[in-house]
Structures are given as structure tokens and as C-alpha cells.
Amino acid sequence: DIFAFVDALGRGDGVAAIRELQRLEANEQKPEYLIAMIARQLRLLLMAADCVVRGETSAATIVALGGSPFVARKVMEQARHHSVASLRALYPKLLDLDLALKSSRAPKPALLEAFVLEATTPA
């Protein structure tokens, strides 16, 4: 379940994120799809964190995030555990991961796990 993976990543739960990533890899989930879903989650978290910083109401944040209120509420809760700066700092790391997956000879699971560990380790 890709959503269990991105939710664990959003919560900063590295152990659960690695476990879910390994399940996805065992089911032969393509790294490109994982990158796209990580980028989506990161974008949602950044938007929610920005709304929190600006003091937006929950209703306004739900509208800003689009989609279902259930998903928006989950993302809003996850965003409270991150700073806008820490989320922005993950974008270049995600780009580096994407490039490494396309050009490195390193095992793709190892590259993905290294990103997850870095993304879920408190600064």
C-alpha cells in the first residue's frame, strides 16, 4: 500500500517507512512511481506546513490542499512535525535520489532506503 509508505514518511517514522518500502519493493513497485508519490507527499506536507505557519484555519488548509478532507487532515497532522525549511531541504535530496536511481550502479532499494532514513531522521 503506497499510502502506508508515504504516511509513515510524512510522520517521520523511519522504521515503518522502511518496512512499507520493502513491501512495495517485494511487490515490484517501480522506483519511478515511488519517487512520484514521495514528491506528491512532500508537496502536500510543504503546503500544509506553510498554512500552519501562516495561521490558516483547518478549513482554509483543507481547501488549499484540495482532495478529500480526510487526506487533508492527515497531512495537516503530519505537517505539524516538520518545519517548512526541513521540508524544502528534502527537494534537492529527492532530485539527487531520482538522478541516482537513473544513473548509479548502486542497488535501487539501497538508494531508496538511504533517502527514507535521511528524510525521517530529525535534523
N, C-alpha and C. Protein backbone atom coordinates (compact mmCIF):
# COMPACT_ATOMS: atom_id res chain seq x y z
N ASP A 1 0.85 -1.18 0.00
CA ASP A 1 0.00 0.00 0.00
C ASP A 1 0.89 1.24 0.00
N ILE A 2 0.89 1.94 -1.09
CA ILE A 2 1.73 3.13 -1.24
C ILE A 2 1.39 4.19 -0.21
N PHE A 3 0.12 4.27 0.18
CA PHE A 3 -0.28 5.30 1.12
C PHE A 3 0.25 5.03 2.52
N ALA A 4 0.38 3.78 2.90
CA ALA A 4 1.00 3.45 4.19
C ALA A 4 2.46 3.90 4.19
N PHE A 5 3.12 3.77 3.05
CA PHE A 5 4.51 4.20 2.92
C PHE A 5 4.63 5.71 3.04
N VAL A 6 3.87 6.46 2.25
CA VAL A 6 4.01 7.92 2.29
C VAL A 6 3.50 8.50 3.61
N ASP A 7 2.51 7.85 4.22
CA ASP A 7 2.05 8.31 5.54
C ASP A 7 3.15 8.14 6.59
N ALA A 8 3.83 7.00 6.56
CA ALA A 8 4.93 6.77 7.50
C ALA A 8 6.05 7.78 7.25
N LEU A 9 6.33 8.04 6.00
CA LEU A 9 7.34 9.02 5.65
C LEU A 9 6.93 10.40 6.17
N GLY A 10 5.68 10.76 5.98
CA GLY A 10 5.17 12.05 6.44
C GLY A 10 5.20 12.19 7.95
N ARG A 11 4.97 11.10 8.66
CA ARG A 11 5.01 11.12 10.12
C ARG A 11 6.44 11.15 10.65
N GLY A 12 7.40 10.89 9.76
CA GLY A 12 8.79 10.82 10.20
C GLY A 12 9.13 9.49 10.86
N ASP A 13 8.32 8.47 10.60
CA ASP A 13 8.51 7.14 11.19
C ASP A 13 9.36 6.30 10.23
N GLY A 14 10.68 6.41 10.41
CA GLY A 14 11.61 5.73 9.51
C GLY A 14 11.46 4.22 9.50
N VAL A 15 11.23 3.62 10.66
CA VAL A 15 11.10 2.16 10.74
C VAL A 15 9.90 1.69 9.92
N ALA A 16 8.75 2.33 10.13
CA ALA A 16 7.55 1.94 9.38
C ALA A 16 7.72 2.25 7.89
N ALA A 17 8.35 3.37 7.57
CA ALA A 17 8.54 3.73 6.16
C ALA A 17 9.43 2.71 5.45
N ILE A 18 10.51 2.29 6.10
CA ILE A 18 11.39 1.28 5.50
C ILE A 18 10.65 -0.04 5.34
N ARG A 19 9.88 -0.43 6.36
CA ARG A 19 9.11 -1.68 6.28
C ARG A 19 8.13 -1.63 5.10
N GLU A 20 7.41 -0.51 4.96
CA GLU A 20 6.46 -0.39 3.85
C GLU A 20 7.18 -0.32 2.51
N LEU A 21 8.32 0.35 2.47
CA LEU A 21 9.10 0.42 1.24
C LEU A 21 9.54 -0.98 0.82
N GLN A 22 9.98 -1.78 1.77
CA GLN A 22 10.41 -3.14 1.45
C GLN A 22 9.24 -3.98 0.93
N ARG A 23 8.06 -3.76 1.47
CA ARG A 23 6.88 -4.47 0.96
C ARG A 23 6.58 -4.05 -0.48
N LEU A 24 6.68 -2.76 -0.72
CA LEU A 24 6.43 -2.27 -2.08
C LEU A 24 7.46 -2.84 -3.06
N GLU A 25 8.72 -2.86 -2.63
CA GLU A 25 9.77 -3.41 -3.48
C GLU A 25 9.56 -4.90 -3.72
N ALA A 26 9.10 -5.64 -2.71
CA ALA A 26 8.83 -7.07 -2.86
C ALA A 26 7.71 -7.31 -3.87
N ASN A 27 6.80 -6.34 -3.97
CA ASN A 27 5.72 -6.42 -4.95
C ASN A 27 6.10 -5.77 -6.27
N GLU A 28 7.40 -5.51 -6.43
CA GLU A 28 7.98 -4.98 -7.67
C GLU A 28 7.40 -3.62 -8.08
N GLN A 29 7.16 -2.78 -7.07
CA GLN A 29 6.72 -1.41 -7.36
C GLN A 29 7.87 -0.66 -8.02
N LYS A 30 7.59 0.05 -9.07
CA LYS A 30 8.64 0.75 -9.82
C LYS A 30 9.16 1.95 -9.04
N PRO A 31 10.48 2.14 -9.01
CA PRO A 31 11.06 3.29 -8.31
C PRO A 31 10.52 4.63 -8.81
N GLU A 32 10.22 4.73 -10.10
CA GLU A 32 9.69 5.98 -10.65
C GLU A 32 8.36 6.35 -10.00
N TYR A 33 7.53 5.36 -9.76
CA TYR A 33 6.25 5.60 -9.11
C TYR A 33 6.47 6.02 -7.66
N LEU A 34 7.42 5.38 -6.98
CA LEU A 34 7.73 5.73 -5.60
C LEU A 34 8.21 7.18 -5.52
N ILE A 35 9.07 7.58 -6.44
CA ILE A 35 9.56 8.97 -6.48
C ILE A 35 8.39 9.93 -6.68
N ALA A 36 7.50 9.61 -7.58
CA ALA A 36 6.35 10.48 -7.85
C ALA A 36 5.47 10.62 -6.62
N MET A 37 5.25 9.53 -5.91
CA MET A 37 4.41 9.59 -4.71
C MET A 37 5.11 10.29 -3.55
N ILE A 38 6.42 10.12 -3.44
CA ILE A 38 7.18 10.86 -2.43
C ILE A 38 7.10 12.35 -2.72
N ALA A 39 7.27 12.71 -3.98
CA ALA A 39 7.20 14.13 -4.37
C ALA A 39 5.81 14.70 -4.08
N ARG A 40 4.77 13.93 -4.34
CA ARG A 40 3.40 14.38 -4.06
C ARG A 40 3.22 14.61 -2.56
N GLN A 41 3.67 13.66 -1.75
CA GLN A 41 3.53 13.79 -0.30
C GLN A 41 4.33 14.98 0.21
N LEU A 42 5.52 15.16 -0.31
CA LEU A 42 6.36 16.28 0.10
C LEU A 42 5.69 17.61 -0.25
N ARG A 43 5.09 17.69 -1.43
CA ARG A 43 4.39 18.90 -1.85
C ARG A 43 3.21 19.19 -0.93
N LEU A 44 2.43 18.16 -0.62
CA LEU A 44 1.29 18.34 0.29
C LEU A 44 1.75 18.76 1.69
N LEU A 45 2.80 18.12 2.19
CA LEU A 45 3.32 18.47 3.51
C LEU A 45 3.81 19.91 3.54
N LEU A 46 4.49 20.33 2.50
CA LEU A 46 5.00 21.69 2.44
C LEU A 46 3.87 22.70 2.39
N MET A 47 2.85 22.41 1.60
CA MET A 47 1.69 23.31 1.54
C MET A 47 1.01 23.39 2.90
N ALA A 48 0.83 22.26 3.55
CA ALA A 48 0.17 22.23 4.87
C ALA A 48 1.01 22.94 5.92
N ALA A 49 2.32 22.71 5.91
CA ALA A 49 3.21 23.36 6.88
C ALA A 49 3.17 24.87 6.69
N ASP A 50 3.13 25.31 5.45
CA ASP A 50 3.05 26.74 5.17
C ASP A 50 1.74 27.32 5.70
N CYS A 51 0.65 26.60 5.53
CA CYS A 51 -0.64 27.06 6.05
C CYS A 51 -0.61 27.15 7.58
N VAL A 52 0.03 26.17 8.22
CA VAL A 52 0.14 26.18 9.68
C VAL A 52 0.93 27.41 10.13
N VAL A 53 2.05 27.68 9.47
CA VAL A 53 2.89 28.82 9.82
C VAL A 53 2.13 30.13 9.65
N ARG A 54 1.33 30.21 8.59
CA ARG A 54 0.57 31.44 8.33
C ARG A 54 -0.69 31.54 9.20
N GLY A 55 -0.96 30.50 10.01
CA GLY A 55 -2.11 30.54 10.91
C GLY A 55 -3.44 30.33 10.22
N GLU A 56 -3.42 29.66 9.09
CA GLU A 56 -4.66 29.38 8.35
C GLU A 56 -5.56 28.47 9.19
N THR A 57 -6.85 28.61 9.00
CA THR A 57 -7.80 27.72 9.65
C THR A 57 -7.71 26.34 9.01
N SER A 58 -8.22 25.35 9.72
CA SER A 58 -8.25 23.99 9.15
C SER A 58 -9.05 23.97 7.86
N ALA A 59 -10.16 24.67 7.83
CA ALA A 59 -11.00 24.69 6.62
C ALA A 59 -10.24 25.29 5.44
N ALA A 60 -9.51 26.37 5.68
CA ALA A 60 -8.75 27.01 4.60
C ALA A 60 -7.62 26.10 4.13
N THR A 61 -7.01 25.39 5.06
CA THR A 61 -5.93 24.47 4.70
C THR A 61 -6.47 23.31 3.88
N ILE A 62 -7.61 22.80 4.26
CA ILE A 62 -8.24 21.70 3.50
C ILE A 62 -8.50 22.15 2.07
N VAL A 63 -9.01 23.35 1.91
CA VAL A 63 -9.28 23.88 0.56
C VAL A 63 -7.98 24.03 -0.20
N ALA A 64 -6.93 24.56 0.45
CA ALA A 64 -5.64 24.76 -0.22
C ALA A 64 -5.03 23.44 -0.68
N LEU A 65 -5.22 22.39 0.11
CA LEU A 65 -4.64 21.10 -0.25
C LEU A 65 -5.43 20.38 -1.32
N GLY A 66 -6.71 20.73 -1.45
CA GLY A 66 -7.56 20.04 -2.41
C GLY A 66 -7.80 18.60 -1.96
N GLY A 67 -8.49 17.86 -2.76
CA GLY A 67 -8.74 16.47 -2.41
C GLY A 67 -9.73 16.32 -1.28
N SER A 68 -9.67 15.19 -0.63
CA SER A 68 -10.64 14.89 0.40
C SER A 68 -10.24 15.49 1.74
N PRO A 69 -11.22 15.84 2.56
CA PRO A 69 -10.91 16.36 3.90
C PRO A 69 -10.14 15.34 4.75
N PHE A 70 -10.42 14.05 4.57
CA PHE A 70 -9.71 13.01 5.32
C PHE A 70 -8.21 13.08 5.05
N VAL A 71 -7.83 13.12 3.78
CA VAL A 71 -6.42 13.19 3.41
C VAL A 71 -5.81 14.49 3.90
N ALA A 72 -6.53 15.59 3.73
CA ALA A 72 -6.02 16.89 4.16
C ALA A 72 -5.76 16.91 5.66
N ARG A 73 -6.65 16.35 6.44
CA ARG A 73 -6.46 16.33 7.89
C ARG A 73 -5.23 15.50 8.28
N LYS A 74 -5.06 14.36 7.60
CA LYS A 74 -3.88 13.53 7.87
C LYS A 74 -2.60 14.30 7.56
N VAL A 75 -2.58 14.95 6.41
CA VAL A 75 -1.39 15.69 6.00
C VAL A 75 -1.14 16.86 6.95
N MET A 76 -2.20 17.54 7.39
CA MET A 76 -2.05 18.66 8.32
C MET A 76 -1.41 18.17 9.63
N GLU A 77 -1.85 17.03 10.12
CA GLU A 77 -1.27 16.48 11.35
C GLU A 77 0.20 16.14 11.14
N GLN A 78 0.53 15.54 10.01
CA GLN A 78 1.92 15.19 9.72
C GLN A 78 2.78 16.44 9.59
N ALA A 79 2.23 17.49 9.00
CA ALA A 79 2.99 18.72 8.75
C ALA A 79 3.40 19.40 10.06
N ARG A 80 2.64 19.20 11.10
CA ARG A 80 2.97 19.81 12.39
C ARG A 80 4.29 19.28 12.96
N HIS A 81 4.77 18.17 12.43
CA HIS A 81 6.01 17.57 12.90
C HIS A 81 7.23 18.02 12.10
N HIS A 82 7.01 18.92 11.14
CA HIS A 82 8.08 19.36 10.24
C HIS A 82 8.10 20.87 10.14
N SER A 83 9.27 21.40 9.91
CA SER A 83 9.36 22.83 9.60
C SER A 83 9.31 23.00 8.08
N VAL A 84 8.93 24.17 7.65
CA VAL A 84 8.92 24.47 6.22
C VAL A 84 10.33 24.30 5.67
N ALA A 85 11.33 24.78 6.41
CA ALA A 85 12.72 24.69 5.96
C ALA A 85 13.17 23.24 5.79
N SER A 86 12.81 22.38 6.74
CA SER A 86 13.24 20.98 6.63
C SER A 86 12.57 20.29 5.44
N LEU A 87 11.33 20.64 5.17
CA LEU A 87 10.64 20.06 4.02
C LEU A 87 11.24 20.56 2.71
N ARG A 88 11.54 21.86 2.66
CA ARG A 88 12.17 22.41 1.45
C ARG A 88 13.54 21.78 1.21
N ALA A 89 14.25 21.48 2.28
CA ALA A 89 15.58 20.88 2.15
C ALA A 89 15.52 19.48 1.55
N LEU A 90 14.36 18.84 1.60
CA LEU A 90 14.24 17.49 1.03
C LEU A 90 14.13 17.49 -0.49
N TYR A 91 13.70 18.61 -1.08
CA TYR A 91 13.55 18.65 -2.54
C TYR A 91 14.85 18.36 -3.28
N PRO A 92 15.97 19.02 -2.96
CA PRO A 92 17.20 18.68 -3.68
C PRO A 92 17.64 17.24 -3.43
N LYS A 93 17.36 16.73 -2.24
CA LYS A 93 17.72 15.34 -1.93
C LYS A 93 16.87 14.37 -2.74
N LEU A 94 15.62 14.74 -2.97
CA LEU A 94 14.74 13.92 -3.80
C LEU A 94 15.23 13.93 -5.25
N LEU A 95 15.66 15.09 -5.72
CA LEU A 95 16.23 15.18 -7.07
C LEU A 95 17.49 14.33 -7.17
N ASP A 96 18.35 14.40 -6.15
CA ASP A 96 19.56 13.57 -6.14
C ASP A 96 19.21 12.09 -6.18
N LEU A 97 18.17 11.70 -5.44
CA LEU A 97 17.73 10.31 -5.45
C LEU A 97 17.25 9.92 -6.84
N ASP A 98 16.47 10.76 -7.46
CA ASP A 98 15.96 10.47 -8.80
C ASP A 98 17.12 10.29 -9.78
N LEU A 99 18.08 11.18 -9.72
CA LEU A 99 19.24 11.07 -10.62
C LEU A 99 20.05 9.81 -10.33
N ALA A 100 20.23 9.49 -9.04
CA ALA A 100 20.99 8.30 -8.68
C ALA A 100 20.27 7.03 -9.14
N LEU A 101 18.96 7.01 -9.02
CA LEU A 101 18.21 5.83 -9.47
C LEU A 101 18.37 5.62 -10.98
N LYS A 102 18.55 6.70 -11.71
CA LYS A 102 18.67 6.62 -13.17
C LYS A 102 20.10 6.37 -13.63
N SER A 103 21.09 6.74 -12.81
CA SER A 103 22.46 6.69 -13.31
C SER A 103 23.43 5.86 -12.46
N SER A 104 23.09 5.56 -11.25
CA SER A 104 24.01 4.86 -10.37
C SER A 104 23.93 3.36 -10.57
N ARG A 105 25.03 2.71 -10.26
CA ARG A 105 25.05 1.25 -10.28
C ARG A 105 24.68 0.67 -8.92
N ALA A 106 24.49 1.55 -7.95
CA ALA A 106 24.11 1.10 -6.60
C ALA A 106 22.72 0.46 -6.67
N PRO A 107 22.47 -0.50 -5.81
CA PRO A 107 21.14 -1.14 -5.81
C PRO A 107 20.05 -0.11 -5.50
N LYS A 108 19.01 -0.12 -6.30
CA LYS A 108 17.92 0.84 -6.13
C LYS A 108 17.28 0.78 -4.75
N PRO A 109 17.05 -0.42 -4.20
CA PRO A 109 16.48 -0.45 -2.84
C PRO A 109 17.36 0.27 -1.81
N ALA A 110 18.67 0.13 -1.95
CA ALA A 110 19.58 0.79 -1.01
C ALA A 110 19.50 2.30 -1.14
N LEU A 111 19.39 2.79 -2.36
CA LEU A 111 19.28 4.24 -2.59
C LEU A 111 17.98 4.78 -1.98
N LEU A 112 16.89 4.06 -2.21
CA LEU A 112 15.60 4.49 -1.66
C LEU A 112 15.61 4.46 -0.14
N GLU A 113 16.15 3.41 0.44
CA GLU A 113 16.21 3.30 1.89
C GLU A 113 17.07 4.40 2.50
N ALA A 114 18.18 4.74 1.84
CA ALA A 114 19.04 5.81 2.34
C ALA A 114 18.29 7.14 2.35
N PHE A 115 17.49 7.39 1.31
CA PHE A 115 16.69 8.62 1.28
C PHE A 115 15.67 8.63 2.41
N VAL A 116 14.99 7.50 2.59
CA VAL A 116 13.97 7.42 3.64
C VAL A 116 14.59 7.67 5.01
N LEU A 117 15.73 7.08 5.25
CA LEU A 117 16.40 7.29 6.55
C LEU A 117 16.79 8.75 6.73
N GLU A 118 17.30 9.37 5.69
CA GLU A 118 17.67 10.77 5.78
C GLU A 118 16.44 11.65 5.97
N ALA A 119 15.37 11.33 5.27
CA ALA A 119 14.14 12.13 5.34
C ALA A 119 13.43 12.00 6.69
N THR A 120 13.66 10.91 7.39
CA THR A 120 12.94 10.68 8.64
C THR A 120 13.82 10.87 9.88
N THR A 121 15.08 11.23 9.68
CA THR A 121 15.96 11.49 10.80
C THR A 121 15.83 12.96 11.19
N PRO A 122 15.51 13.23 12.44
CA PRO A 122 15.38 14.63 12.87
C PRO A 122 16.68 15.40 12.68
N ALA A 123 16.55 16.65 12.27
CA ALA A 123 17.75 17.48 12.00
C ALA A 123 18.40 17.96 13.27
